[in-house]
Amino acid sequence: MALVLQESCDFLRIIGIDPGYAIVGYGILDYANGIFKKVKSGVILTRAKTPFEVRLHNIYIDLNLILQETKPDHMAIERLYFTANQKTAIDVAQARGVIVLTAMQNTIKVFEYTPLQIKQAIVGYGKAEKKQMINMVASILKLKEKPSVDDEADALAVAICHAHSYNPNNIKIQELTKKTI
């Protein structure tokens, strides 16, 4: 039995994800004809003293509810890049795996972007500062208030990056999933 992944016709609903295990940022946008509409954004939090496997389960439960409520067509997720702390990298990678699996279980296409690609898409400069990114995200989405949490702003930036980068005919975009599995 094939699993067919969803995609709406009138607009593209994208959930951007800033992966983590303590904080997962998410931002859901509708995009059509160069126009964005913010649907919902926020963070999924897990408690530090909670066993790690329970934290992963909580991410799964909370994200699954968000995906079922908002029904995005695509998930855009930041590709992991770590140079220093390998323990943190492994833990974040495990959380990212749970996030990607949750998308797949909800038949959502998953795409990944490097931090450099995201910064270039938002600010036009790959070494942009966090404040520049937050200001541009708020400007592009015409938000009355800037996102208060960096992880939420990062997730919205990933979604914007995907909207600007996605072309169904462009095979260069890193698509983690295929139309039929």
C-alpha atoms as a PDB file:
ATOM      1  CA  MET A   1       0.000   0.000   0.000  1.00  0.00           C
ATOM      2  CA  ALA A   2       1.431   3.377  -1.047  1.00  0.00           C
ATOM      3  CA  LEU A   3       1.384   6.396   1.212  1.00  0.00           C
ATOM      4  CA  VAL A   4       0.410   9.451  -0.853  1.00  0.00           C
ATOM      5  CA  LEU A   5       1.611  12.765   0.526  1.00  0.00           C
ATOM      6  CA  GLN A   6      -0.777  15.704   0.622  1.00  0.00           C
ATOM      7  CA  GLU A   7      -0.523  19.055  -1.132  1.00  0.00           C
ATOM      8  CA  SER A   8      -3.311  21.625  -1.454  1.00  0.00           C
ATOM      9  CA  CYS A   9      -4.110  23.438  -4.715  1.00  0.00           C
ATOM     10  CA  ASP A  10      -4.938  27.087  -3.919  1.00  0.00           C
ATOM     11  CA  PHE A  11      -2.069  27.838  -1.560  1.00  0.00           C
ATOM     12  CA  LEU A  12       0.830  26.078   0.073  1.00  0.00           C
ATOM     13  CA  ARG A  13       0.603  25.594   3.840  1.00  0.00           C
ATOM     14  CA  ILE A  14       4.082  25.241   5.301  1.00  0.00           C
ATOM     15  CA  ILE A  15       5.184  24.415   8.811  1.00  0.00           C
ATOM     16  CA  GLY A  16       8.690  25.586   9.565  1.00  0.00           C
ATOM     17  CA  ILE A  17      10.545  23.766  12.333  1.00  0.00           C
ATOM     18  CA  ASP A  18      13.538  24.805  14.416  1.00  0.00           C
ATOM     19  CA  PRO A  19      14.451  21.424  15.909  1.00  0.00           C
ATOM     20  CA  GLY A  20      15.519  20.881  19.489  1.00  0.00           C
ATOM     21  CA  TYR A  21      14.685  18.708  22.463  1.00  0.00           C
ATOM     22  CA  ALA A  22      14.218  21.415  25.107  1.00  0.00           C
ATOM     23  CA  ILE A  23      12.494  23.848  22.729  1.00  0.00           C
ATOM     24  CA  VAL A  24      11.046  23.082  19.295  1.00  0.00           C
ATOM     25  CA  GLY A  25      10.062  26.205  17.398  1.00  0.00           C
ATOM     26  CA  TYR A  26       7.248  25.971  14.867  1.00  0.00           C
ATOM     27  CA  GLY A  27       5.651  28.432  12.475  1.00  0.00           C
ATOM     28  CA  ILE A  28       2.781  27.713  10.095  1.00  0.00           C
ATOM     29  CA  LEU A  29       2.290  29.935   7.047  1.00  0.00           C
ATOM     30  CA  ASP A  30      -0.027  29.966   4.056  1.00  0.00           C
ATOM     31  CA  TYR A  31       1.737  31.102   0.882  1.00  0.00           C
ATOM     32  CA  ALA A  32       0.290  31.958  -2.517  1.00  0.00           C
ATOM     33  CA  ASN A  33       1.373  34.337  -5.274  1.00  0.00           C
ATOM     34  CA  GLY A  34       4.140  35.874  -3.178  1.00  0.00           C
ATOM     35  CA  ILE A  35       1.824  36.619  -0.243  1.00  0.00           C
ATOM     36  CA  PHE A  36       2.211  35.160   3.252  1.00  0.00           C
ATOM     37  CA  LYS A  37      -0.432  34.670   5.909  1.00  0.00           C
ATOM     38  CA  LYS A  38       0.725  33.544   9.353  1.00  0.00           C
ATOM     39  CA  VAL A  39      -1.577  30.784  10.593  1.00  0.00           C
ATOM     40  CA  LYS A  40       0.042  29.910  13.909  1.00  0.00           C
ATOM     41  CA  SER A  41       3.428  29.852  15.594  1.00  0.00           C
ATOM     42  CA  GLY A  42       4.953  29.016  18.927  1.00  0.00           C
ATOM     43  CA  VAL A  43       7.181  26.573  20.731  1.00  0.00           C
ATOM     44  CA  ILE A  44       6.930  23.082  22.131  1.00  0.00           C
ATOM     45  CA  LEU A  45       8.682  22.952  25.500  1.00  0.00           C
ATOM     46  CA  THR A  46       9.961  19.935  27.406  1.00  0.00           C
ATOM     47  CA  ARG A  47      11.124  19.955  31.022  1.00  0.00           C
ATOM     48  CA  ALA A  48      14.825  19.577  31.726  1.00  0.00           C
ATOM     49  CA  LYS A  49      14.504  17.007  34.527  1.00  0.00           C
ATOM     50  CA  THR A  50      12.200  14.756  32.505  1.00  0.00           C
ATOM     51  CA  PRO A  51      13.719  11.508  31.168  1.00  0.00           C
ATOM     52  CA  PHE A  52      14.940  12.036  27.614  1.00  0.00           C
ATOM     53  CA  GLU A  53      12.668   9.408  26.051  1.00  0.00           C
ATOM     54  CA  VAL A  54       9.657  11.084  27.696  1.00  0.00           C
ATOM     55  CA  ARG A  55      10.780  14.444  26.272  1.00  0.00           C
ATOM     56  CA  LEU A  56      10.878  12.883  22.785  1.00  0.00           C
ATOM     57  CA  HIS A  57       7.428  11.403  23.328  1.00  0.00           C
ATOM     58  CA  ASN A  58       6.075  14.792  24.447  1.00  0.00           C
ATOM     59  CA  ILE A  59       7.482  16.425  21.287  1.00  0.00           C
ATOM     60  CA  TYR A  60       5.755  13.742  19.220  1.00  0.00           C
ATOM     61  CA  ILE A  61       2.393  14.178  20.993  1.00  0.00           C
ATOM     62  CA  ASP A  62       2.409  17.997  20.847  1.00  0.00           C
ATOM     63  CA  LEU A  63       3.629  18.199  17.242  1.00  0.00           C
ATOM     64  CA  ASN A  64       1.141  15.569  16.116  1.00  0.00           C
ATOM     65  CA  LEU A  65      -1.706  17.648  17.570  1.00  0.00           C
ATOM     66  CA  ILE A  66      -0.417  20.782  15.804  1.00  0.00           C
ATOM     67  CA  LEU A  67      -0.121  18.944  12.478  1.00  0.00           C
ATOM     68  CA  GLN A  68      -3.596  17.429  12.774  1.00  0.00           C
ATOM     69  CA  GLU A  69      -5.075  20.827  13.656  1.00  0.00           C
ATOM     70  CA  THR A  70      -3.351  22.879  10.932  1.00  0.00           C
ATOM     71  CA  LYS A  71      -2.836  20.265   8.170  1.00  0.00           C
ATOM     72  CA  PRO A  72       0.300  21.652   6.486  1.00  0.00           C
ATOM     73  CA  ASP A  73       1.294  20.471   3.002  1.00  0.00           C
ATOM     74  CA  HIS A  74       5.046  20.738   3.613  1.00  0.00           C
ATOM     75  CA  MET A  75       7.396  20.725   6.557  1.00  0.00           C
ATOM     76  CA  ALA A  76      10.588  22.763   6.216  1.00  0.00           C
ATOM     77  CA  ILE A  77      13.162  21.897   8.843  1.00  0.00           C
ATOM     78  CA  GLU A  78      16.589  23.276   9.604  1.00  0.00           C
ATOM     79  CA  ARG A  79      19.450  20.927   8.777  1.00  0.00           C
ATOM     80  CA  LEU A  80      21.560  20.300  11.866  1.00  0.00           C
ATOM     81  CA  TYR A  81      24.983  21.839  12.068  1.00  0.00           C
ATOM     82  CA  PHE A  82      27.126  21.349  15.173  1.00  0.00           C
ATOM     83  CA  THR A  83      30.812  21.856  15.698  1.00  0.00           C
ATOM     84  CA  ALA A  84      31.292  21.696  19.460  1.00  0.00           C
ATOM     85  CA  ASN A  85      29.002  19.659  21.713  1.00  0.00           C
ATOM     86  CA  GLN A  86      28.522  16.153  20.290  1.00  0.00           C
ATOM     87  CA  LYS A  87      26.146  15.050  23.077  1.00  0.00           C
ATOM     88  CA  THR A  88      23.818  17.939  22.306  1.00  0.00           C
ATOM     89  CA  ALA A  89      24.089  17.192  18.575  1.00  0.00           C
ATOM     90  CA  ILE A  90      23.066  13.574  19.092  1.00  0.00           C
ATOM     91  CA  ASP A  91      20.131  14.537  21.320  1.00  0.00           C
ATOM     92  CA  VAL A  92      18.905  17.192  18.864  1.00  0.00           C
ATOM     93  CA  ALA A  93      19.303  14.693  16.015  1.00  0.00           C
ATOM     94  CA  GLN A  94      17.082  12.243  17.900  1.00  0.00           C
ATOM     95  CA  ALA A  95      14.448  14.940  18.405  1.00  0.00           C
ATOM     96  CA  ARG A  96      14.713  15.858  14.720  1.00  0.00           C
ATOM     97  CA  GLY A  97      14.103  12.205  13.841  1.00  0.00           C
ATOM     98  CA  VAL A  98      10.930  12.191  15.926  1.00  0.00           C
ATOM     99  CA  ILE A  99       9.813  15.415  14.192  1.00  0.00           C
ATOM    100  CA  VAL A 100      10.414  14.016  10.686  1.00  0.00           C
ATOM    101  CA  LEU A 101       8.660  10.754  11.588  1.00  0.00           C
ATOM    102  CA  THR A 102       5.664  12.699  12.907  1.00  0.00           C
ATOM    103  CA  ALA A 103       5.453  14.566   9.585  1.00  0.00           C
ATOM    104  CA  MET A 104       5.648  11.314   7.638  1.00  0.00           C
ATOM    105  CA  GLN A 105       2.895   9.757   9.752  1.00  0.00           C
ATOM    106  CA  ASN A 106       0.736  12.756   8.813  1.00  0.00           C
ATOM    107  CA  THR A 107       1.648  12.390   5.091  1.00  0.00           C
ATOM    108  CA  ILE A 108       3.494  15.712   4.980  1.00  0.00           C
ATOM    109  CA  LYS A 109       6.427  16.262   2.614  1.00  0.00           C
ATOM    110  CA  VAL A 110       9.639  17.180   4.443  1.00  0.00           C
ATOM    111  CA  PHE A 111      12.341  19.523   3.098  1.00  0.00           C
ATOM    112  CA  GLU A 112      15.543  20.641   4.794  1.00  0.00           C
ATOM    113  CA  TYR A 113      17.595  23.828   4.596  1.00  0.00           C
ATOM    114  CA  THR A 114      20.953  24.782   6.038  1.00  0.00           C
ATOM    115  CA  PRO A 115      21.256  27.797   8.345  1.00  0.00           C
ATOM    116  CA  LEU A 116      23.181  29.538   5.528  1.00  0.00           C
ATOM    117  CA  GLN A 117      20.340  28.970   3.031  1.00  0.00           C
ATOM    118  CA  ILE A 118      17.781  30.258   5.524  1.00  0.00           C
ATOM    119  CA  LYS A 119      19.740  33.420   6.331  1.00  0.00           C
ATOM    120  CA  GLN A 120      20.342  34.135   2.652  1.00  0.00           C
ATOM    121  CA  ALA A 121      16.632  33.688   1.869  1.00  0.00           C
ATOM    122  CA  ILE A 122      15.537  36.019   4.681  1.00  0.00           C
ATOM    123  CA  VAL A 123      18.251  38.684   4.917  1.00  0.00           C
ATOM    124  CA  GLY A 124      20.281  38.110   1.751  1.00  0.00           C
ATOM    125  CA  TYR A 125      23.425  37.476   3.785  1.00  0.00           C
ATOM    126  CA  GLY A 126      24.513  34.066   5.080  1.00  0.00           C
ATOM    127  CA  LYS A 127      26.102  35.394   8.273  1.00  0.00           C
ATOM    128  CA  ALA A 128      23.165  37.539   9.392  1.00  0.00           C
ATOM    129  CA  GLU A 129      22.765  38.203  13.111  1.00  0.00           C
ATOM    130  CA  LYS A 130      19.788  36.877  15.090  1.00  0.00           C
ATOM    131  CA  LYS A 131      18.316  40.381  15.488  1.00  0.00           C
ATOM    132  CA  GLN A 132      18.445  40.980  11.716  1.00  0.00           C
ATOM    133  CA  MET A 133      16.638  37.686  11.130  1.00  0.00           C
ATOM    134  CA  ILE A 134      13.894  38.475  13.637  1.00  0.00           C
ATOM    135  CA  ASN A 135      13.382  41.957  12.170  1.00  0.00           C
ATOM    136  CA  MET A 136      13.157  40.606   8.608  1.00  0.00           C
ATOM    137  CA  VAL A 137      10.773  37.790   9.579  1.00  0.00           C
ATOM    138  CA  ALA A 138       8.479  40.355  11.215  1.00  0.00           C
ATOM    139  CA  SER A 139       8.742  42.611   8.160  1.00  0.00           C
ATOM    140  CA  ILE A 140       8.127  39.881   5.563  1.00  0.00           C
ATOM    141  CA  LEU A 141       5.114  38.556   7.469  1.00  0.00           C
ATOM    142  CA  LYS A 142       3.870  42.067   8.352  1.00  0.00           C
ATOM    143  CA  LEU A 143       3.645  41.105  12.019  1.00  0.00           C
ATOM    144  CA  LYS A 144       2.458  43.685  14.531  1.00  0.00           C
ATOM    145  CA  GLU A 145       4.820  42.205  17.121  1.00  0.00           C
ATOM    146  CA  LYS A 146       8.117  40.407  16.601  1.00  0.00           C
ATOM    147  CA  PRO A 147       8.282  36.780  17.750  1.00  0.00           C
ATOM    148  CA  SER A 148       9.344  36.796  21.403  1.00  0.00           C
ATOM    149  CA  VAL A 149      11.231  33.501  21.303  1.00  0.00           C
ATOM    150  CA  ASP A 150      14.211  32.959  18.976  1.00  0.00           C
ATOM    151  CA  ASP A 151      13.125  29.385  18.192  1.00  0.00           C
ATOM    152  CA  GLU A 152       9.710  30.594  16.993  1.00  0.00           C
ATOM    153  CA  ALA A 153      11.328  33.260  14.792  1.00  0.00           C
ATOM    154  CA  ASP A 154      13.757  30.670  13.400  1.00  0.00           C
ATOM    155  CA  ALA A 155      10.875  28.331  12.546  1.00  0.00           C
ATOM    156  CA  LEU A 156       9.022  31.115  10.722  1.00  0.00           C
ATOM    157  CA  ALA A 157      12.256  31.898   8.846  1.00  0.00           C
ATOM    158  CA  VAL A 158      12.573  28.266   7.719  1.00  0.00           C
ATOM    159  CA  ALA A 159       8.983  28.348   6.426  1.00  0.00           C
ATOM    160  CA  ILE A 160       9.634  31.618   4.530  1.00  0.00           C
ATOM    161  CA  CYS A 161      12.836  30.152   3.089  1.00  0.00           C
ATOM    162  CA  HIS A 162      10.911  27.142   1.817  1.00  0.00           C
ATOM    163  CA  ALA A 163       8.181  29.289   0.272  1.00  0.00           C
ATOM    164  CA  HIS A 164      10.810  31.296  -1.609  1.00  0.00           C
ATOM    165  CA  SER A 165      12.822  28.217  -2.603  1.00  0.00           C
ATOM    166  CA  TYR A 166      10.207  25.618  -3.435  1.00  0.00           C
ATOM    167  CA  ASN A 167       9.505  24.874  -7.054  1.00  0.00           C
ATOM    168  CA  PRO A 168       7.848  21.525  -7.759  1.00  0.00           C
ATOM    169  CA  ASN A 169       9.958  21.259 -10.924  1.00  0.00           C
ATOM    170  CA  ASN A 170      13.275  22.011  -9.155  1.00  0.00           C
ATOM    171  CA  ILE A 171      15.063  18.776  -8.234  1.00  0.00           C
ATOM    172  CA  LYS A 172      17.910  20.647  -6.507  1.00  0.00           C
ATOM    173  CA  ILE A 173      15.885  21.293  -3.332  1.00  0.00           C
ATOM    174  CA  GLN A 174      16.665  18.725  -0.654  1.00  0.00           C
ATOM    175  CA  GLU A 175      13.419  16.795  -0.347  1.00  0.00           C
ATOM    176  CA  LEU A 176      13.658  14.133   2.338  1.00  0.00           C
ATOM    177  CA  THR A 177      10.512  12.375   1.176  1.00  0.00           C
ATOM    178  CA  LYS A 178       9.101  11.435  -2.179  1.00  0.00           C
ATOM    179  CA  LYS A 179       5.532  11.747  -3.494  1.00  0.00           C
ATOM    180  CA  THR A 180       4.890   8.059  -2.932  1.00  0.00           C
ATOM    181  CA  ILE A 181       6.523   5.850  -0.359  1.00  0.00           C
END
